[in-house]
Amino acid sequence: MPGLIGTYDKGRQVMLARGVYGPQEDTLLLRDALERETIGTGTAVLDVGSGSGFLALAAARRGARVTAVDRTRRAVLTTRLNAALAGLGIEAVRGDLLAPAVGRRFDLILSNPPYVPAPDVGLPVRGPARAWDAGHDGRLIIDRLCDGAAGALRPRGALLLVHSALCAVSDTLERLEQAGLPAEVTDRRSVPFGPVLTSRRQWLLDRGLIAPGDDKEELVIIRAERAA
């Protein structure tokens, strides 16, 4: 599979195929949150929307049994390749969000889902935008994860979810609470607008999602835990 090698945080390298989402600020923020979790041999981890497999690899290096899911064939193949290059055993499967995990339970679910508000109402069906566009409010994927995560977690299992403040952090906290997963914001990071948000500045202004002069996006980590 054609790709390129990129060096990322802490000297880690991953191979990227064209169109596969590589580690960026949101990935690294989620990685930092992952490092605070208690993980050891036998910890069952589910990485939903694995992209390059960067987060799945981080969990596997600590001894976790990792299942990585992505809806694109290229991402799944990239995750498998990066796991093989790192000498790590990761189960990488293609599927729609939590569907491949039906009937299974995990100690930890990680997700860096598409969350960028977009002019198109629905999800893109092809192209790199599948990794970030998520409808007018950016919540087409987040809401489904909030509704389904509890059923895939063991008692005291946790969900770590990253998304932008542009897609209503309070709605995510409320939705997780309603699903039986009390949640809180554990991390925040402000990053400059990238090319996608810069290109949509006027549309975001018109929708009231940003104020005139805004040029930074706040990323958050939400941690939710299932009761014992």
C-alpha atoms as a PDB file:
ATOM      1  CA  MET A   1       0.000   0.000   0.000  1.00  0.00           C
ATOM      2  CA  PRO A   2       1.602   3.313  -1.012  1.00  0.00           C
ATOM      3  CA  GLY A   3       2.198   5.715   1.825  1.00  0.00           C
ATOM      4  CA  LEU A   4       4.687   7.891   3.585  1.00  0.00           C
ATOM      5  CA  ILE A   5       6.464   7.811   6.898  1.00  0.00           C
ATOM      6  CA  GLY A   6       5.786  10.678   9.265  1.00  0.00           C
ATOM      7  CA  THR A   7       7.528  11.300  12.573  1.00  0.00           C
ATOM      8  CA  TYR A   8       5.125  12.320  15.295  1.00  0.00           C
ATOM      9  CA  ASP A   9       5.130  12.950  19.010  1.00  0.00           C
ATOM     10  CA  LYS A  10       7.845  11.294  21.101  1.00  0.00           C
ATOM     11  CA  GLY A  11       9.631  10.039  18.017  1.00  0.00           C
ATOM     12  CA  ARG A  12       6.871   7.584  17.110  1.00  0.00           C
ATOM     13  CA  GLN A  13       6.413   6.945  13.421  1.00  0.00           C
ATOM     14  CA  VAL A  14       3.361   5.830  11.509  1.00  0.00           C
ATOM     15  CA  MET A  15       2.801   5.084   7.879  1.00  0.00           C
ATOM     16  CA  LEU A  16      -0.015   6.983   6.217  1.00  0.00           C
ATOM     17  CA  ALA A  17      -1.897   5.999   3.096  1.00  0.00           C
ATOM     18  CA  ARG A  18      -3.412   8.783   1.034  1.00  0.00           C
ATOM     19  CA  GLY A  19      -6.676   9.958   2.572  1.00  0.00           C
ATOM     20  CA  VAL A  20      -6.067   8.378   6.004  1.00  0.00           C
ATOM     21  CA  TYR A  21      -6.273  10.764   8.966  1.00  0.00           C
ATOM     22  CA  GLY A  22      -2.869  11.125  10.584  1.00  0.00           C
ATOM     23  CA  PRO A  23      -2.011  12.205  14.137  1.00  0.00           C
ATOM     24  CA  GLN A  24      -2.898  15.842  14.743  1.00  0.00           C
ATOM     25  CA  GLU A  25      -3.574  18.048  17.773  1.00  0.00           C
ATOM     26  CA  ASP A  26      -6.786  16.228  18.678  1.00  0.00           C
ATOM     27  CA  THR A  27      -5.037  12.847  18.409  1.00  0.00           C
ATOM     28  CA  LEU A  28      -2.225  13.968  20.697  1.00  0.00           C
ATOM     29  CA  LEU A  29      -4.647  15.474  23.216  1.00  0.00           C
ATOM     30  CA  LEU A  30      -6.468  12.153  23.384  1.00  0.00           C
ATOM     31  CA  ARG A  31      -3.153  10.328  23.675  1.00  0.00           C
ATOM     32  CA  ASP A  32      -2.294  12.470  26.710  1.00  0.00           C
ATOM     33  CA  ALA A  33      -5.606  11.509  28.338  1.00  0.00           C
ATOM     34  CA  LEU A  34      -5.004   7.859  27.485  1.00  0.00           C
ATOM     35  CA  GLU A  35      -1.672   7.953  29.296  1.00  0.00           C
ATOM     36  CA  ARG A  36      -3.450   8.778  32.561  1.00  0.00           C
ATOM     37  CA  GLU A  37      -5.646   5.684  32.371  1.00  0.00           C
ATOM     38  CA  THR A  38      -4.755   2.497  34.234  1.00  0.00           C
ATOM     39  CA  ILE A  39      -3.848   0.043  31.479  1.00  0.00           C
ATOM     40  CA  GLY A  40      -2.044  -3.252  31.741  1.00  0.00           C
ATOM     41  CA  THR A  41      -1.882  -6.742  30.358  1.00  0.00           C
ATOM     42  CA  GLY A  42      -5.362  -7.875  29.451  1.00  0.00           C
ATOM     43  CA  THR A  43      -7.042  -4.466  29.512  1.00  0.00           C
ATOM     44  CA  ALA A  44      -9.596  -4.531  26.697  1.00  0.00           C
ATOM     45  CA  VAL A  45      -9.488  -1.332  24.624  1.00  0.00           C
ATOM     46  CA  LEU A  46     -11.662  -0.319  21.682  1.00  0.00           C
ATOM     47  CA  ASP A  47     -10.417   2.461  19.383  1.00  0.00           C
ATOM     48  CA  VAL A  48     -13.355   3.757  17.343  1.00  0.00           C
ATOM     49  CA  GLY A  49     -12.256   5.603  14.210  1.00  0.00           C
ATOM     50  CA  SER A  50      -8.664   4.422  14.344  1.00  0.00           C
ATOM     51  CA  GLY A  51      -7.307   6.302  11.317  1.00  0.00           C
ATOM     52  CA  SER A  52      -3.590   5.553  11.199  1.00  0.00           C
ATOM     53  CA  GLY A  53      -3.781   3.438  14.360  1.00  0.00           C
ATOM     54  CA  PHE A  54      -1.695   5.884  16.411  1.00  0.00           C
ATOM     55  CA  LEU A  55      -3.882   5.637  19.524  1.00  0.00           C
ATOM     56  CA  ALA A  56      -4.403   1.889  19.169  1.00  0.00           C
ATOM     57  CA  LEU A  57      -0.628   1.484  19.084  1.00  0.00           C
ATOM     58  CA  ALA A  58      -0.221   3.650  22.198  1.00  0.00           C
ATOM     59  CA  ALA A  59      -2.624   1.410  24.131  1.00  0.00           C
ATOM     60  CA  ALA A  60      -1.099  -1.815  22.805  1.00  0.00           C
ATOM     61  CA  ARG A  61       2.393  -0.720  23.858  1.00  0.00           C
ATOM     62  CA  ARG A  62       1.139  -0.712  27.438  1.00  0.00           C
ATOM     63  CA  GLY A  63      -0.102  -4.287  27.182  1.00  0.00           C
ATOM     64  CA  ALA A  64      -3.751  -3.723  26.278  1.00  0.00           C
ATOM     65  CA  ARG A  65      -5.708  -6.051  24.019  1.00  0.00           C
ATOM     66  CA  VAL A  66      -6.789  -3.573  21.375  1.00  0.00           C
ATOM     67  CA  THR A  67      -9.556  -3.698  18.818  1.00  0.00           C
ATOM     68  CA  ALA A  68      -9.414  -0.853  16.282  1.00  0.00           C
ATOM     69  CA  VAL A  69     -12.427   0.015  14.112  1.00  0.00           C
ATOM     70  CA  ASP A  70     -12.682   2.327  11.130  1.00  0.00           C
ATOM     71  CA  ARG A  71     -15.245   2.640   8.350  1.00  0.00           C
ATOM     72  CA  THR A  72     -12.666   2.997   5.568  1.00  0.00           C
ATOM     73  CA  ARG A  73     -10.688   0.122   4.134  1.00  0.00           C
ATOM     74  CA  ARG A  74      -7.545   2.233   3.825  1.00  0.00           C
ATOM     75  CA  ALA A  75      -7.571   3.152   7.499  1.00  0.00           C
ATOM     76  CA  VAL A  76      -7.981  -0.470   8.559  1.00  0.00           C
ATOM     77  CA  LEU A  77      -5.115  -1.569   6.322  1.00  0.00           C
ATOM     78  CA  THR A  78      -2.972   1.308   7.592  1.00  0.00           C
ATOM     79  CA  THR A  79      -3.637   0.346  11.214  1.00  0.00           C
ATOM     80  CA  ARG A  80      -2.748  -3.269  10.485  1.00  0.00           C
ATOM     81  CA  LEU A  81       0.436  -2.240   8.722  1.00  0.00           C
ATOM     82  CA  ASN A  82       1.542   0.089  11.505  1.00  0.00           C
ATOM     83  CA  ALA A  83       0.822  -2.595  14.099  1.00  0.00           C
ATOM     84  CA  ALA A  84       2.915  -5.091  12.137  1.00  0.00           C
ATOM     85  CA  LEU A  85       5.784  -2.605  11.770  1.00  0.00           C
ATOM     86  CA  ALA A  86       5.688  -1.967  15.526  1.00  0.00           C
ATOM     87  CA  GLY A  87       5.509  -5.679  16.347  1.00  0.00           C
ATOM     88  CA  LEU A  88       2.184  -5.269  18.147  1.00  0.00           C
ATOM     89  CA  GLY A  89      -0.892  -7.446  18.001  1.00  0.00           C
ATOM     90  CA  ILE A  90      -3.934  -5.315  17.200  1.00  0.00           C
ATOM     91  CA  GLU A  91      -7.269  -6.504  15.856  1.00  0.00           C
ATOM     92  CA  ALA A  92      -8.196  -3.966  13.159  1.00  0.00           C
ATOM     93  CA  VAL A  93     -11.613  -4.349  11.572  1.00  0.00           C
ATOM     94  CA  ARG A  94     -13.764  -2.372   9.172  1.00  0.00           C
ATOM     95  CA  GLY A  95     -17.193  -1.353  10.357  1.00  0.00           C
ATOM     96  CA  ASP A  96     -19.604   1.325  11.446  1.00  0.00           C
ATOM     97  CA  LEU A  97     -18.637   2.742  14.842  1.00  0.00           C
ATOM     98  CA  LEU A  98     -19.560   0.253  17.584  1.00  0.00           C
ATOM     99  CA  ALA A  99     -21.200  -2.310  15.289  1.00  0.00           C
ATOM    100  CA  PRO A 100     -18.152  -4.635  15.080  1.00  0.00           C
ATOM    101  CA  ALA A 101     -18.112  -4.793  18.888  1.00  0.00           C
ATOM    102  CA  VAL A 102     -21.709  -5.940  19.380  1.00  0.00           C
ATOM    103  CA  GLY A 103     -21.815  -8.507  22.164  1.00  0.00           C
ATOM    104  CA  ARG A 104     -18.382  -7.552  23.493  1.00  0.00           C
ATOM    105  CA  ARG A 105     -17.409  -5.417  26.481  1.00  0.00           C
ATOM    106  CA  PHE A 106     -14.350  -3.237  26.957  1.00  0.00           C
ATOM    107  CA  ASP A 107     -12.534  -1.569  29.828  1.00  0.00           C
ATOM    108  CA  LEU A 108     -11.819   1.530  27.760  1.00  0.00           C
ATOM    109  CA  ILE A 109     -13.237   3.045  24.587  1.00  0.00           C
ATOM    110  CA  LEU A 110     -11.259   5.723  22.742  1.00  0.00           C
ATOM    111  CA  SER A 111     -12.641   7.841  19.958  1.00  0.00           C
ATOM    112  CA  ASN A 112     -11.484  10.759  17.859  1.00  0.00           C
ATOM    113  CA  PRO A 113     -14.591  10.892  15.665  1.00  0.00           C
ATOM    114  CA  PRO A 114     -15.561  13.238  12.843  1.00  0.00           C
ATOM    115  CA  TYR A 115     -16.890  16.358  14.596  1.00  0.00           C
ATOM    116  CA  VAL A 116     -16.405  19.365  12.321  1.00  0.00           C
ATOM    117  CA  PRO A 117     -19.620  21.291  11.490  1.00  0.00           C
ATOM    118  CA  ALA A 118     -20.088  21.206   7.737  1.00  0.00           C
ATOM    119  CA  PRO A 119     -22.337  22.852   5.135  1.00  0.00           C
ATOM    120  CA  ASP A 120     -23.543  19.431   3.988  1.00  0.00           C
ATOM    121  CA  VAL A 121     -26.348  17.939   6.054  1.00  0.00           C
ATOM    122  CA  GLY A 122     -25.174  14.327   5.862  1.00  0.00           C
ATOM    123  CA  LEU A 123     -21.885  12.525   6.212  1.00  0.00           C
ATOM    124  CA  PRO A 124     -19.522  12.462   3.224  1.00  0.00           C
ATOM    125  CA  VAL A 125     -19.528   9.135   1.418  1.00  0.00           C
ATOM    126  CA  ARG A 126     -16.015   9.381   0.019  1.00  0.00           C
ATOM    127  CA  GLY A 127     -12.830  11.397   0.246  1.00  0.00           C
ATOM    128  CA  PRO A 128     -10.709  12.585   3.176  1.00  0.00           C
ATOM    129  CA  ALA A 129     -13.555  14.682   4.630  1.00  0.00           C
ATOM    130  CA  ARG A 130     -15.018  11.431   5.981  1.00  0.00           C
ATOM    131  CA  ALA A 131     -12.457  11.799   8.774  1.00  0.00           C
ATOM    132  CA  TRP A 132     -13.771  15.161   9.992  1.00  0.00           C
ATOM    133  CA  ASP A 133     -17.128  16.336   8.561  1.00  0.00           C
ATOM    134  CA  ALA A 134     -20.180  15.469  10.677  1.00  0.00           C
ATOM    135  CA  GLY A 135     -23.208  17.433   9.471  1.00  0.00           C
ATOM    136  CA  HIS A 136     -24.438  20.955  10.206  1.00  0.00           C
ATOM    137  CA  ASP A 137     -23.869  20.708  13.963  1.00  0.00           C
ATOM    138  CA  GLY A 138     -20.913  18.317  13.896  1.00  0.00           C
ATOM    139  CA  ARG A 139     -22.815  15.762  15.973  1.00  0.00           C
ATOM    140  CA  LEU A 140     -23.893  13.039  13.555  1.00  0.00           C
ATOM    141  CA  ILE A 141     -21.265  10.643  14.900  1.00  0.00           C
ATOM    142  CA  ILE A 142     -20.844  11.971  18.441  1.00  0.00           C
ATOM    143  CA  ASP A 143     -24.518  11.451  19.312  1.00  0.00           C
ATOM    144  CA  ARG A 144     -24.409   7.833  18.173  1.00  0.00           C
ATOM    145  CA  LEU A 145     -21.291   7.179  20.248  1.00  0.00           C
ATOM    146  CA  CYS A 146     -22.898   8.739  23.313  1.00  0.00           C
ATOM    147  CA  ASP A 147     -25.987   6.583  22.903  1.00  0.00           C
ATOM    148  CA  GLY A 148     -24.144   3.312  22.287  1.00  0.00           C
ATOM    149  CA  ALA A 149     -21.008   3.404  24.417  1.00  0.00           C
ATOM    150  CA  ALA A 150     -22.557   2.214  27.683  1.00  0.00           C
ATOM    151  CA  GLY A 151     -23.555  -1.080  26.108  1.00  0.00           C
ATOM    152  CA  ALA A 152     -19.968  -1.755  25.060  1.00  0.00           C
ATOM    153  CA  LEU A 153     -18.356  -0.958  28.424  1.00  0.00           C
ATOM    154  CA  ARG A 154     -17.711  -3.218  31.374  1.00  0.00           C
ATOM    155  CA  PRO A 155     -18.680  -1.957  34.840  1.00  0.00           C
ATOM    156  CA  ARG A 156     -16.293   0.883  35.753  1.00  0.00           C
ATOM    157  CA  GLY A 157     -15.243   1.033  32.124  1.00  0.00           C
ATOM    158  CA  ALA A 158     -14.530   4.465  30.646  1.00  0.00           C
ATOM    159  CA  LEU A 159     -15.056   6.363  27.425  1.00  0.00           C
ATOM    160  CA  LEU A 160     -12.510   8.960  26.289  1.00  0.00           C
ATOM    161  CA  LEU A 161     -13.930  11.171  23.578  1.00  0.00           C
ATOM    162  CA  VAL A 162     -12.338  14.161  21.882  1.00  0.00           C
ATOM    163  CA  HIS A 163     -14.190  16.845  19.976  1.00  0.00           C
ATOM    164  CA  SER A 164     -14.415  20.552  19.326  1.00  0.00           C
ATOM    165  CA  ALA A 165     -16.210  23.150  21.414  1.00  0.00           C
ATOM    166  CA  LEU A 166     -17.894  24.108  18.122  1.00  0.00           C
ATOM    167  CA  CYS A 167     -20.195  21.095  18.439  1.00  0.00           C
ATOM    168  CA  ALA A 168     -21.707  21.721  21.881  1.00  0.00           C
ATOM    169  CA  VAL A 169     -19.760  20.186  24.733  1.00  0.00           C
ATOM    170  CA  SER A 170     -22.731  20.587  27.080  1.00  0.00           C
ATOM    171  CA  ASP A 171     -24.917  18.494  24.757  1.00  0.00           C
ATOM    172  CA  THR A 172     -22.373  15.674  24.892  1.00  0.00           C
ATOM    173  CA  LEU A 173     -22.208  15.741  28.692  1.00  0.00           C
ATOM    174  CA  GLU A 174     -26.004  15.688  28.945  1.00  0.00           C
ATOM    175  CA  ARG A 175     -26.402  12.919  26.408  1.00  0.00           C
ATOM    176  CA  LEU A 176     -23.831  10.718  28.140  1.00  0.00           C
ATOM    177  CA  GLU A 177     -25.521  11.319  31.487  1.00  0.00           C
ATOM    178  CA  GLN A 178     -28.852  10.251  30.007  1.00  0.00           C
ATOM    179  CA  ALA A 179     -27.174   7.096  28.649  1.00  0.00           C
ATOM    180  CA  GLY A 180     -25.924   6.141  32.107  1.00  0.00           C
ATOM    181  CA  LEU A 181     -22.393   7.463  31.700  1.00  0.00           C
ATOM    182  CA  PRO A 182     -21.705  10.417  34.017  1.00  0.00           C
ATOM    183  CA  ALA A 183     -19.101  12.538  32.255  1.00  0.00           C
ATOM    184  CA  GLU A 184     -16.799  15.508  32.693  1.00  0.00           C
ATOM    185  CA  VAL A 185     -14.384  17.582  30.663  1.00  0.00           C
ATOM    186  CA  THR A 186     -10.846  16.613  31.696  1.00  0.00           C
ATOM    187  CA  ASP A 187      -8.711  18.459  29.135  1.00  0.00           C
ATOM    188  CA  ARG A 188      -8.900  21.563  26.985  1.00  0.00           C
ATOM    189  CA  ARG A 189      -6.538  22.852  24.324  1.00  0.00           C
ATOM    190  CA  SER A 190      -6.825  25.862  22.045  1.00  0.00           C
ATOM    191  CA  VAL A 191      -5.380  25.405  18.557  1.00  0.00           C
ATOM    192  CA  PRO A 192      -5.271  27.708  15.506  1.00  0.00           C
ATOM    193  CA  PHE A 193      -7.847  27.130  12.798  1.00  0.00           C
ATOM    194  CA  GLY A 194      -6.613  24.674  10.227  1.00  0.00           C
ATOM    195  CA  PRO A 195      -7.391  24.812   6.504  1.00  0.00           C
ATOM    196  CA  VAL A 196     -10.902  23.335   6.868  1.00  0.00           C
ATOM    197  CA  LEU A 197     -12.195  25.800   9.472  1.00  0.00           C
ATOM    198  CA  THR A 198     -10.412  28.691   7.792  1.00  0.00           C
ATOM    199  CA  SER A 199     -12.201  27.894   4.532  1.00  0.00           C
ATOM    200  CA  ARG A 200     -15.551  27.828   6.392  1.00  0.00           C
ATOM    201  CA  ARG A 201     -15.056  30.963   8.465  1.00  0.00           C
ATOM    202  CA  GLN A 202     -17.962  32.882   6.913  1.00  0.00           C
ATOM    203  CA  TRP A 203     -20.299  29.900   7.115  1.00  0.00           C
ATOM    204  CA  LEU A 204     -19.376  29.399  10.787  1.00  0.00           C
ATOM    205  CA  LEU A 205     -19.955  33.095  11.440  1.00  0.00           C
ATOM    206  CA  ASP A 206     -23.343  32.985   9.740  1.00  0.00           C
ATOM    207  CA  ARG A 207     -24.380  30.062  11.932  1.00  0.00           C
ATOM    208  CA  GLY A 208     -23.178  31.763  15.102  1.00  0.00           C
ATOM    209  CA  LEU A 209     -20.607  29.069  15.831  1.00  0.00           C
ATOM    210  CA  ILE A 210     -17.731  31.549  15.984  1.00  0.00           C
ATOM    211  CA  ALA A 211     -17.418  35.286  16.645  1.00  0.00           C
ATOM    212  CA  PRO A 212     -15.796  37.829  14.346  1.00  0.00           C
ATOM    213  CA  GLY A 213     -12.048  37.633  14.755  1.00  0.00           C
ATOM    214  CA  ASP A 214     -12.001  34.096  16.123  1.00  0.00           C
ATOM    215  CA  ASP A 215      -9.061  32.180  14.745  1.00  0.00           C
ATOM    216  CA  LYS A 216      -8.676  29.390  17.292  1.00  0.00           C
ATOM    217  CA  GLU A 217     -10.633  26.248  18.051  1.00  0.00           C
ATOM    218  CA  GLU A 218     -10.963  24.755  21.516  1.00  0.00           C
ATOM    219  CA  LEU A 219     -10.566  20.982  21.658  1.00  0.00           C
ATOM    220  CA  VAL A 220     -11.834  19.058  24.675  1.00  0.00           C
ATOM    221  CA  ILE A 221     -11.520  15.589  26.125  1.00  0.00           C
ATOM    222  CA  ILE A 222     -14.646  14.179  27.732  1.00  0.00           C
ATOM    223  CA  ARG A 223     -14.290  11.249  30.078  1.00  0.00           C
ATOM    224  CA  ALA A 224     -17.346   9.205  30.968  1.00  0.00           C
ATOM    225  CA  GLU A 225     -17.482   6.169  33.255  1.00  0.00           C
ATOM    226  CA  ARG A 226     -20.008   3.405  33.611  1.00  0.00           C
ATOM    227  CA  ALA A 227     -21.139   2.668  37.146  1.00  0.00           C
ATOM    228  CA  ALA A 228     -19.942  -0.476  38.890  1.00  0.00           C
END
